């Protein structure tokens, strides 16, 4: 079991989300957070065009996999507008 910590800078809140199955590791962060009912901005629905789904000061949630957040970013996601 893996855990991802999500920080909302606008709300100053923190959530811990469990990655409960191996299939979730291959989801994009956009897909993963939406599946957990977090309101992630994206007018292009993950086509990497609108760039509204920015996380961690410059990454696109539609372009980063859950497994990459765990291995490369210490399981931390920061969203400015959340």
C-alpha atoms as a PDB file:
ATOM      1  CA  UNK A   1       0.000   0.000   0.000  1.00  0.00           C
ATOM      2  CA  UNK A   2       1.256   3.449  -0.956  1.00  0.00           C
ATOM      3  CA  UNK A   3       0.048   6.823   0.318  1.00  0.00           C
ATOM      4  CA  UNK A   4       0.004  10.124  -1.533  1.00  0.00           C
ATOM      5  CA  UNK A   5      -0.200  13.427   0.307  1.00  0.00           C
ATOM      6  CA  UNK A   6      -2.170  16.172  -1.409  1.00  0.00           C
ATOM      7  CA  UNK A   7      -1.720  19.776  -0.290  1.00  0.00           C
ATOM      8  CA  UNK A   8      -4.204  22.483  -1.227  1.00  0.00           C
ATOM      9  CA  UNK A   9      -2.452  25.831  -0.973  1.00  0.00           C
ATOM     10  CA  UNK A  10      -5.600  27.974  -1.301  1.00  0.00           C
ATOM     11  CA  UNK A  11      -7.446  26.065   1.429  1.00  0.00           C
ATOM     12  CA  UNK A  12      -4.346  25.270   3.487  1.00  0.00           C
ATOM     13  CA  UNK A  13      -5.622  21.687   3.761  1.00  0.00           C
ATOM     14  CA  UNK A  14      -3.888  18.338   3.521  1.00  0.00           C
ATOM     15  CA  UNK A  15      -5.337  15.000   2.419  1.00  0.00           C
ATOM     16  CA  UNK A  16      -3.739  11.564   2.478  1.00  0.00           C
ATOM     17  CA  UNK A  17      -4.954   9.280  -0.306  1.00  0.00           C
ATOM     18  CA  UNK A  18      -4.344   5.561  -0.402  1.00  0.00           C
ATOM     19  CA  UNK A  19      -3.170   3.954  -3.632  1.00  0.00           C
ATOM     20  CA  UNK A  20      -4.998   0.719  -3.010  1.00  0.00           C
ATOM     21  CA  UNK A  21      -4.285  -1.295  -6.144  1.00  0.00           C
ATOM     22  CA  UNK A  22      -1.548  -1.757  -8.718  1.00  0.00           C
ATOM     23  CA  UNK A  23      -3.793  -0.539 -11.558  1.00  0.00           C
ATOM     24  CA  UNK A  24      -3.895   2.909  -9.919  1.00  0.00           C
ATOM     25  CA  UNK A  25      -0.133   3.241 -10.322  1.00  0.00           C
ATOM     26  CA  UNK A  26      -0.568   3.560 -14.097  1.00  0.00           C
ATOM     27  CA  UNK A  27      -3.257   6.249 -13.916  1.00  0.00           C
ATOM     28  CA  UNK A  28      -2.392   9.870 -14.537  1.00  0.00           C
ATOM     29  CA  UNK A  29      -2.650  12.121 -11.513  1.00  0.00           C
ATOM     30  CA  UNK A  30      -5.614  13.799 -13.215  1.00  0.00           C
ATOM     31  CA  UNK A  31      -7.449  10.459 -13.511  1.00  0.00           C
ATOM     32  CA  UNK A  32      -6.450   9.355 -10.016  1.00  0.00           C
ATOM     33  CA  UNK A  33      -7.549  12.548  -8.253  1.00  0.00           C
ATOM     34  CA  UNK A  34     -10.806  12.705 -10.191  1.00  0.00           C
ATOM     35  CA  UNK A  35     -11.526   9.093  -9.229  1.00  0.00           C
ATOM     36  CA  UNK A  36     -11.214  10.243  -5.603  1.00  0.00           C
ATOM     37  CA  UNK A  37     -13.612  13.184  -6.220  1.00  0.00           C
ATOM     38  CA  UNK A  38     -11.060  15.995  -6.131  1.00  0.00           C
ATOM     39  CA  UNK A  39     -11.949  18.923  -8.425  1.00  0.00           C
ATOM     40  CA  UNK A  40      -8.993  19.098 -10.789  1.00  0.00           C
ATOM     41  CA  UNK A  41      -9.143  21.822 -13.444  1.00  0.00           C
ATOM     42  CA  UNK A  42      -8.884  20.666 -17.044  1.00  0.00           C
ATOM     43  CA  UNK A  43     -10.828  21.995 -20.010  1.00  0.00           C
ATOM     44  CA  UNK A  44      -9.110  19.606 -22.440  1.00  0.00           C
ATOM     45  CA  UNK A  45      -9.933  16.528 -20.324  1.00  0.00           C
ATOM     46  CA  UNK A  46      -6.369  15.269 -20.203  1.00  0.00           C
ATOM     47  CA  UNK A  47      -5.255  15.979 -23.773  1.00  0.00           C
ATOM     48  CA  UNK A  48      -2.250  18.047 -22.516  1.00  0.00           C
ATOM     49  CA  UNK A  49      -3.435  21.204 -24.265  1.00  0.00           C
ATOM     50  CA  UNK A  50      -5.057  23.568 -21.754  1.00  0.00           C
ATOM     51  CA  UNK A  51      -2.389  23.278 -19.035  1.00  0.00           C
ATOM     52  CA  UNK A  52      -4.949  24.016 -16.298  1.00  0.00           C
ATOM     53  CA  UNK A  53      -4.154  20.858 -14.327  1.00  0.00           C
ATOM     54  CA  UNK A  54      -0.825  22.146 -13.046  1.00  0.00           C
ATOM     55  CA  UNK A  55       0.523  20.499  -9.911  1.00  0.00           C
ATOM     56  CA  UNK A  56       3.808  20.838  -8.024  1.00  0.00           C
ATOM     57  CA  UNK A  57       4.576  24.210  -9.605  1.00  0.00           C
ATOM     58  CA  UNK A  58       4.785  23.224 -13.246  1.00  0.00           C
ATOM     59  CA  UNK A  59       3.876  19.572 -13.801  1.00  0.00           C
ATOM     60  CA  UNK A  60       0.710  18.682 -15.680  1.00  0.00           C
ATOM     61  CA  UNK A  61      -1.492  16.232 -13.793  1.00  0.00           C
ATOM     62  CA  UNK A  62      -2.533  14.755 -17.143  1.00  0.00           C
ATOM     63  CA  UNK A  63       1.084  14.009 -17.997  1.00  0.00           C
ATOM     64  CA  UNK A  64       2.358  12.477 -14.735  1.00  0.00           C
ATOM     65  CA  UNK A  65       1.571   8.962 -13.550  1.00  0.00           C
ATOM     66  CA  UNK A  66       0.797   8.021  -9.970  1.00  0.00           C
ATOM     67  CA  UNK A  67       3.885   5.800  -9.853  1.00  0.00           C
ATOM     68  CA  UNK A  68       6.040   8.778 -10.898  1.00  0.00           C
ATOM     69  CA  UNK A  69       4.679  10.947  -8.078  1.00  0.00           C
ATOM     70  CA  UNK A  70       5.548   8.153  -5.651  1.00  0.00           C
ATOM     71  CA  UNK A  71       9.054   7.507  -6.952  1.00  0.00           C
ATOM     72  CA  UNK A  72      10.218  10.928  -8.151  1.00  0.00           C
ATOM     73  CA  UNK A  73       8.268  13.389  -6.004  1.00  0.00           C
ATOM     74  CA  UNK A  74       8.147  11.674  -2.585  1.00  0.00           C
ATOM     75  CA  UNK A  75       4.397  10.978  -2.897  1.00  0.00           C
ATOM     76  CA  UNK A  76       3.569  14.689  -2.614  1.00  0.00           C
ATOM     77  CA  UNK A  77       1.168  16.667  -4.784  1.00  0.00           C
ATOM     78  CA  UNK A  78       0.644  20.406  -4.323  1.00  0.00           C
ATOM     79  CA  UNK A  79      -2.187  22.268  -6.042  1.00  0.00           C
ATOM     80  CA  UNK A  80      -2.321  26.048  -5.736  1.00  0.00           C
ATOM     81  CA  UNK A  81      -6.073  26.567  -6.305  1.00  0.00           C
ATOM     82  CA  UNK A  82      -7.324  23.692  -4.169  1.00  0.00           C
END
